[in-house]
Amino acid sequence: NNPELVCKHLSKLYDSIANLKWKSDGGASAKATKVANAMIAKDGEEMEMYGTCDCSGKVEIWLNRVTDAMRTTVRYHFAQAVATYDEKPREHWIMDYEAQPALCGTQIWWTSEVNMAFARLEEGFENSLKDYQKKQINQLNALIVMLCGELSENDRQKIMTICTIDVHARDVVAKLISMKADNASSFQWQSQLRH
């Protein structure tokens, strides 16, 4: 019944969770409780839990609570990332979130923005995909500038991964333009949504 000892083996049970962060009792000694309030990844990245997770009692019971808390937390962070995407420049938005929500949010918004470009194309804006491609290039350049600056190892890895995905997304849009795809139902675009 010692969750801190069990946590040594979390990486064998969960993909990329190495440890849990324990809520302190708030006393002068700041003793850790059996209540987790964050998940720590193998690379050291920390994700605050949506609420807390009671890790007392039988190990099989509280590990199920950890699983539920992890799912709830990841869903919450994904929803927050997607909802706040257009509130600030993308390069600043990326720094507000852990790698997984930032990557997922980027992909969701890319899909939405390409669909919006197709909708504008159908409304008669002939250059909507080309305009979107220019936006993609500007976003990619902003990330490259960030990579040239001071970043933590985790932030650098997150931005390099997003750059790789952005280059692919830029190439997909370039292919849509060259193949003269004219709506969101076109085979060229639909085939991208399957991957």
C-alpha atoms as a PDB file:
ATOM      1  CA  ASN A   1       0.000   0.000   0.000  1.00  0.00           C
ATOM      2  CA  ASN A   2       2.815   2.361  -0.885  1.00  0.00           C
ATOM      3  CA  PRO A   3       2.031   4.153  -4.158  1.00  0.00           C
ATOM      4  CA  GLU A   4       5.448   5.793  -4.346  1.00  0.00           C
ATOM      5  CA  LEU A   5       7.099   2.363  -4.590  1.00  0.00           C
ATOM      6  CA  VAL A   6       4.607   1.190  -7.219  1.00  0.00           C
ATOM      7  CA  CYS A   7       5.300   4.336  -9.264  1.00  0.00           C
ATOM      8  CA  LYS A   8       8.776   3.011 -10.041  1.00  0.00           C
ATOM      9  CA  HIS A   9       7.007   0.568 -12.367  1.00  0.00           C
ATOM     10  CA  LEU A  10       4.496   2.944 -14.003  1.00  0.00           C
ATOM     11  CA  SER A  11       6.466   3.048 -17.257  1.00  0.00           C
ATOM     12  CA  LYS A  12       5.789  -0.688 -17.614  1.00  0.00           C
ATOM     13  CA  LEU A  13       2.055  -0.118 -17.199  1.00  0.00           C
ATOM     14  CA  TYR A  14       1.488   3.137 -19.084  1.00  0.00           C
ATOM     15  CA  ASP A  15       3.035   4.447 -22.258  1.00  0.00           C
ATOM     16  CA  SER A  16       5.240   7.425 -21.410  1.00  0.00           C
ATOM     17  CA  ILE A  17       4.198   7.917 -17.768  1.00  0.00           C
ATOM     18  CA  ALA A  18       7.264   7.593 -15.578  1.00  0.00           C
ATOM     19  CA  ASN A  19       5.948   8.929 -12.290  1.00  0.00           C
ATOM     20  CA  LEU A  20       3.221  10.808 -10.490  1.00  0.00           C
ATOM     21  CA  LYS A  21       3.575  14.075  -8.618  1.00  0.00           C
ATOM     22  CA  TRP A  22       2.168  13.935  -5.111  1.00  0.00           C
ATOM     23  CA  LYS A  23       0.135  16.633  -3.441  1.00  0.00           C
ATOM     24  CA  SER A  24       1.777  17.817  -0.218  1.00  0.00           C
ATOM     25  CA  ASP A  25      -0.165  17.964   3.024  1.00  0.00           C
ATOM     26  CA  GLY A  26       0.491  21.700   3.340  1.00  0.00           C
ATOM     27  CA  GLY A  27       2.136  21.327   6.732  1.00  0.00           C
ATOM     28  CA  ALA A  28       5.478  22.764   7.774  1.00  0.00           C
ATOM     29  CA  SER A  29       7.253  19.568   6.712  1.00  0.00           C
ATOM     30  CA  ALA A  30       5.413  19.540   3.341  1.00  0.00           C
ATOM     31  CA  LYS A  31       4.989  15.766   3.540  1.00  0.00           C
ATOM     32  CA  ALA A  32       3.676  14.061   0.396  1.00  0.00           C
ATOM     33  CA  THR A  33       0.207  12.529   0.557  1.00  0.00           C
ATOM     34  CA  LYS A  34      -1.249   9.585  -1.369  1.00  0.00           C
ATOM     35  CA  VAL A  35      -3.027  12.010  -3.673  1.00  0.00           C
ATOM     36  CA  ALA A  36      -1.510  12.562  -7.128  1.00  0.00           C
ATOM     37  CA  ASN A  37      -1.974  15.922  -8.842  1.00  0.00           C
ATOM     38  CA  ALA A  38       0.239  15.562 -11.937  1.00  0.00           C
ATOM     39  CA  MET A  39       1.703  12.973 -14.302  1.00  0.00           C
ATOM     40  CA  ILE A  40       5.375  13.065 -15.210  1.00  0.00           C
ATOM     41  CA  ALA A  41       6.454  11.677 -18.591  1.00  0.00           C
ATOM     42  CA  LYS A  42       9.618   9.700 -19.274  1.00  0.00           C
ATOM     43  CA  ASP A  43      11.194  12.824 -20.735  1.00  0.00           C
ATOM     44  CA  GLY A  44      10.351  14.851 -17.615  1.00  0.00           C
ATOM     45  CA  GLU A  45       7.419  16.754 -19.096  1.00  0.00           C
ATOM     46  CA  GLU A  46       4.759  17.327 -16.450  1.00  0.00           C
ATOM     47  CA  MET A  47       0.996  17.445 -17.046  1.00  0.00           C
ATOM     48  CA  GLU A  48      -1.214  18.733 -14.242  1.00  0.00           C
ATOM     49  CA  MET A  49      -4.138  16.418 -13.600  1.00  0.00           C
ATOM     50  CA  TYR A  50      -7.670  17.615 -14.094  1.00  0.00           C
ATOM     51  CA  GLY A  51      -8.483  17.365 -10.405  1.00  0.00           C
ATOM     52  CA  THR A  52      -6.562  14.893  -8.281  1.00  0.00           C
ATOM     53  CA  CYS A  53      -6.254  11.124  -8.020  1.00  0.00           C
ATOM     54  CA  ASP A  54      -6.545   9.265  -4.717  1.00  0.00           C
ATOM     55  CA  CYS A  55      -3.897   6.537  -4.702  1.00  0.00           C
ATOM     56  CA  SER A  56      -4.752   4.948  -1.376  1.00  0.00           C
ATOM     57  CA  GLY A  57      -6.114   1.471  -0.832  1.00  0.00           C
ATOM     58  CA  LYS A  58      -5.583  -1.640  -2.927  1.00  0.00           C
ATOM     59  CA  VAL A  59      -3.122  -1.148  -5.763  1.00  0.00           C
ATOM     60  CA  GLU A  60      -5.455  -2.586  -8.432  1.00  0.00           C
ATOM     61  CA  ILE A  61      -8.162  -0.106  -7.380  1.00  0.00           C
ATOM     62  CA  TRP A  62      -6.035   3.021  -7.345  1.00  0.00           C
ATOM     63  CA  LEU A  63      -4.260   2.107 -10.593  1.00  0.00           C
ATOM     64  CA  ASN A  64      -7.699   2.046 -12.232  1.00  0.00           C
ATOM     65  CA  ARG A  65      -8.256   5.510 -10.753  1.00  0.00           C
ATOM     66  CA  VAL A  66      -4.939   6.615 -12.274  1.00  0.00           C
ATOM     67  CA  THR A  67      -6.087   5.298 -15.672  1.00  0.00           C
ATOM     68  CA  ASP A  68      -9.392   7.177 -15.390  1.00  0.00           C
ATOM     69  CA  ALA A  69      -7.651  10.356 -14.202  1.00  0.00           C
ATOM     70  CA  MET A  70      -5.147  10.103 -17.065  1.00  0.00           C
ATOM     71  CA  ARG A  71      -7.915   9.802 -19.666  1.00  0.00           C
ATOM     72  CA  THR A  72      -9.926  12.661 -18.167  1.00  0.00           C
ATOM     73  CA  THR A  73      -6.817  14.835 -17.931  1.00  0.00           C
ATOM     74  CA  VAL A  74      -5.677  14.215 -21.501  1.00  0.00           C
ATOM     75  CA  ARG A  75      -9.190  14.880 -22.849  1.00  0.00           C
ATOM     76  CA  TYR A  76      -9.344  18.102 -20.843  1.00  0.00           C
ATOM     77  CA  HIS A  77      -5.945  19.331 -22.062  1.00  0.00           C
ATOM     78  CA  PHE A  78      -6.829  18.433 -25.674  1.00  0.00           C
ATOM     79  CA  ALA A  79     -10.105  20.344 -25.440  1.00  0.00           C
ATOM     80  CA  GLN A  80      -8.342  23.361 -23.905  1.00  0.00           C
ATOM     81  CA  ALA A  81      -5.650  23.338 -26.590  1.00  0.00           C
ATOM     82  CA  VAL A  82      -8.162  23.176 -29.439  1.00  0.00           C
ATOM     83  CA  ALA A  83     -10.430  25.826 -27.884  1.00  0.00           C
ATOM     84  CA  THR A  84      -7.629  28.362 -27.359  1.00  0.00           C
ATOM     85  CA  TYR A  85      -5.738  27.828 -30.637  1.00  0.00           C
ATOM     86  CA  ASP A  86      -6.762  31.067 -32.327  1.00  0.00           C
ATOM     87  CA  GLU A  87      -6.513  33.309 -29.248  1.00  0.00           C
ATOM     88  CA  LYS A  88      -2.830  34.137 -29.770  1.00  0.00           C
ATOM     89  CA  PRO A  89      -0.100  33.608 -32.361  1.00  0.00           C
ATOM     90  CA  ARG A  90       0.466  29.896 -32.940  1.00  0.00           C
ATOM     91  CA  GLU A  91       4.102  29.938 -31.838  1.00  0.00           C
ATOM     92  CA  HIS A  92       3.016  31.319 -28.434  1.00  0.00           C
ATOM     93  CA  TRP A  93       0.054  28.936 -28.206  1.00  0.00           C
ATOM     94  CA  ILE A  94       2.358  25.934 -28.693  1.00  0.00           C
ATOM     95  CA  MET A  95       4.367  26.948 -25.627  1.00  0.00           C
ATOM     96  CA  ASP A  96       1.222  26.965 -23.460  1.00  0.00           C
ATOM     97  CA  TYR A  97       0.653  23.220 -23.832  1.00  0.00           C
ATOM     98  CA  GLU A  98       2.454  19.955 -23.362  1.00  0.00           C
ATOM     99  CA  ALA A  99       3.627  18.132 -26.483  1.00  0.00           C
ATOM    100  CA  GLN A 100       0.682  15.758 -26.928  1.00  0.00           C
ATOM    101  CA  PRO A 101      -2.114  18.386 -26.733  1.00  0.00           C
ATOM    102  CA  ALA A 102      -0.073  20.785 -28.896  1.00  0.00           C
ATOM    103  CA  LEU A 103       0.510  18.144 -31.586  1.00  0.00           C
ATOM    104  CA  CYS A 104      -3.085  16.961 -31.569  1.00  0.00           C
ATOM    105  CA  GLY A 105      -4.459  20.522 -31.539  1.00  0.00           C
ATOM    106  CA  THR A 106      -2.201  21.449 -34.447  1.00  0.00           C
ATOM    107  CA  GLN A 107      -3.508  18.532 -36.512  1.00  0.00           C
ATOM    108  CA  ILE A 108      -7.156  19.261 -35.675  1.00  0.00           C
ATOM    109  CA  TRP A 109      -6.768  22.908 -36.646  1.00  0.00           C
ATOM    110  CA  TRP A 110      -4.872  22.074 -39.838  1.00  0.00           C
ATOM    111  CA  THR A 111      -7.758  19.845 -40.927  1.00  0.00           C
ATOM    112  CA  SER A 112     -10.288  22.555 -40.044  1.00  0.00           C
ATOM    113  CA  GLU A 113      -8.340  25.293 -41.811  1.00  0.00           C
ATOM    114  CA  VAL A 114      -7.971  23.266 -45.012  1.00  0.00           C
ATOM    115  CA  ASN A 115     -11.712  22.556 -44.919  1.00  0.00           C
ATOM    116  CA  MET A 116     -12.351  26.294 -44.409  1.00  0.00           C
ATOM    117  CA  ALA A 117     -10.094  27.070 -47.375  1.00  0.00           C
ATOM    118  CA  PHE A 118     -12.140  24.646 -49.497  1.00  0.00           C
ATOM    119  CA  ALA A 119     -15.365  26.300 -48.300  1.00  0.00           C
ATOM    120  CA  ARG A 120     -14.005  29.708 -49.342  1.00  0.00           C
ATOM    121  CA  LEU A 121     -12.915  28.212 -52.678  1.00  0.00           C
ATOM    122  CA  GLU A 122     -16.482  27.032 -53.279  1.00  0.00           C
ATOM    123  CA  GLU A 123     -17.713  30.550 -52.424  1.00  0.00           C
ATOM    124  CA  GLY A 124     -15.617  31.912 -55.272  1.00  0.00           C
ATOM    125  CA  PHE A 125     -12.337  32.856 -53.576  1.00  0.00           C
ATOM    126  CA  GLU A 126     -10.035  31.280 -56.167  1.00  0.00           C
ATOM    127  CA  ASN A 127      -6.838  31.769 -54.162  1.00  0.00           C
ATOM    128  CA  SER A 128      -8.063  30.454 -50.812  1.00  0.00           C
ATOM    129  CA  LEU A 129      -5.790  27.386 -50.825  1.00  0.00           C
ATOM    130  CA  LYS A 130      -2.819  29.466 -51.991  1.00  0.00           C
ATOM    131  CA  ASP A 131      -3.529  32.005 -49.246  1.00  0.00           C
ATOM    132  CA  TYR A 132      -3.668  29.209 -46.712  1.00  0.00           C
ATOM    133  CA  GLN A 133      -0.376  27.826 -48.006  1.00  0.00           C
ATOM    134  CA  LYS A 134       1.213  31.255 -47.421  1.00  0.00           C
ATOM    135  CA  LYS A 135      -0.128  31.174 -43.855  1.00  0.00           C
ATOM    136  CA  GLN A 136       1.411  27.716 -43.396  1.00  0.00           C
ATOM    137  CA  ILE A 137       4.793  28.945 -44.612  1.00  0.00           C
ATOM    138  CA  ASN A 138       4.648  31.916 -42.222  1.00  0.00           C
ATOM    139  CA  GLN A 139       3.765  29.598 -39.323  1.00  0.00           C
ATOM    140  CA  LEU A 140       6.610  27.269 -40.233  1.00  0.00           C
ATOM    141  CA  ASN A 141       9.067  30.168 -40.451  1.00  0.00           C
ATOM    142  CA  ALA A 142       7.978  31.388 -37.002  1.00  0.00           C
ATOM    143  CA  LEU A 143       8.724  27.954 -35.552  1.00  0.00           C
ATOM    144  CA  ILE A 144      12.126  27.857 -37.257  1.00  0.00           C
ATOM    145  CA  VAL A 145      12.961  31.222 -35.682  1.00  0.00           C
ATOM    146  CA  MET A 146      12.004  29.758 -32.299  1.00  0.00           C
ATOM    147  CA  LEU A 147      14.299  26.783 -32.886  1.00  0.00           C
ATOM    148  CA  CYS A 148      17.206  29.187 -33.372  1.00  0.00           C
ATOM    149  CA  GLY A 149      16.582  30.657 -29.913  1.00  0.00           C
ATOM    150  CA  GLU A 150      16.881  29.379 -26.360  1.00  0.00           C
ATOM    151  CA  LEU A 151      14.537  26.472 -25.611  1.00  0.00           C
ATOM    152  CA  SER A 152      14.389  23.672 -23.101  1.00  0.00           C
ATOM    153  CA  GLU A 153      15.153  20.219 -24.464  1.00  0.00           C
ATOM    154  CA  ASN A 154      11.469  19.223 -24.298  1.00  0.00           C
ATOM    155  CA  ASP A 155      10.265  22.421 -25.988  1.00  0.00           C
ATOM    156  CA  ARG A 156      12.872  22.020 -28.730  1.00  0.00           C
ATOM    157  CA  GLN A 157      11.750  18.432 -29.354  1.00  0.00           C
ATOM    158  CA  LYS A 158       8.083  19.485 -29.390  1.00  0.00           C
ATOM    159  CA  ILE A 159       8.723  22.275 -31.904  1.00  0.00           C
ATOM    160  CA  MET A 160      10.911  20.085 -34.129  1.00  0.00           C
ATOM    161  CA  THR A 161       8.148  17.473 -34.213  1.00  0.00           C
ATOM    162  CA  ILE A 162       5.531  20.095 -35.081  1.00  0.00           C
ATOM    163  CA  CYS A 163       7.857  21.479 -37.795  1.00  0.00           C
ATOM    164  CA  THR A 164       8.112  18.008 -39.334  1.00  0.00           C
ATOM    165  CA  ILE A 165       4.333  17.656 -39.328  1.00  0.00           C
ATOM    166  CA  ASP A 166       3.948  21.206 -40.689  1.00  0.00           C
ATOM    167  CA  VAL A 167       6.281  20.468 -43.605  1.00  0.00           C
ATOM    168  CA  HIS A 168       4.136  17.458 -44.483  1.00  0.00           C
ATOM    169  CA  ALA A 169       0.959  19.558 -44.144  1.00  0.00           C
ATOM    170  CA  ARG A 170       2.460  22.257 -46.379  1.00  0.00           C
ATOM    171  CA  ASP A 171       3.338  19.632 -48.993  1.00  0.00           C
ATOM    172  CA  VAL A 172      -0.193  18.206 -48.850  1.00  0.00           C
ATOM    173  CA  VAL A 173      -1.682  21.647 -49.509  1.00  0.00           C
ATOM    174  CA  ALA A 174       0.818  22.205 -52.342  1.00  0.00           C
ATOM    175  CA  LYS A 175      -0.293  18.900 -53.874  1.00  0.00           C
ATOM    176  CA  LEU A 176      -3.966  19.890 -53.513  1.00  0.00           C
ATOM    177  CA  ILE A 177      -3.180  23.124 -55.359  1.00  0.00           C
ATOM    178  CA  SER A 178      -1.177  21.413 -58.120  1.00  0.00           C
ATOM    179  CA  MET A 179      -3.874  18.768 -58.634  1.00  0.00           C
ATOM    180  CA  LYS A 180      -6.515  21.507 -58.712  1.00  0.00           C
ATOM    181  CA  ALA A 181      -8.598  20.005 -55.903  1.00  0.00           C
ATOM    182  CA  ASP A 182     -11.722  22.129 -55.757  1.00  0.00           C
ATOM    183  CA  ASN A 183     -13.682  20.929 -52.727  1.00  0.00           C
ATOM    184  CA  ALA A 184     -13.340  19.081 -49.420  1.00  0.00           C
ATOM    185  CA  SER A 185     -14.814  15.942 -50.999  1.00  0.00           C
ATOM    186  CA  SER A 186     -12.003  15.631 -53.534  1.00  0.00           C
ATOM    187  CA  PHE A 187     -10.139  12.338 -53.471  1.00  0.00           C
ATOM    188  CA  GLN A 188      -6.793  14.066 -52.900  1.00  0.00           C
ATOM    189  CA  TRP A 189      -8.010  15.609 -49.634  1.00  0.00           C
ATOM    190  CA  GLN A 190     -10.120  12.674 -48.452  1.00  0.00           C
ATOM    191  CA  SER A 191      -7.167  10.309 -48.870  1.00  0.00           C
ATOM    192  CA  GLN A 192      -5.171  12.504 -46.446  1.00  0.00           C
ATOM    193  CA  LEU A 193      -7.871  12.287 -43.804  1.00  0.00           C
ATOM    194  CA  ARG A 194      -7.552   8.513 -43.645  1.00  0.00           C
ATOM    195  CA  HIS A 195      -3.989   8.626 -42.269  1.00  0.00           C
END
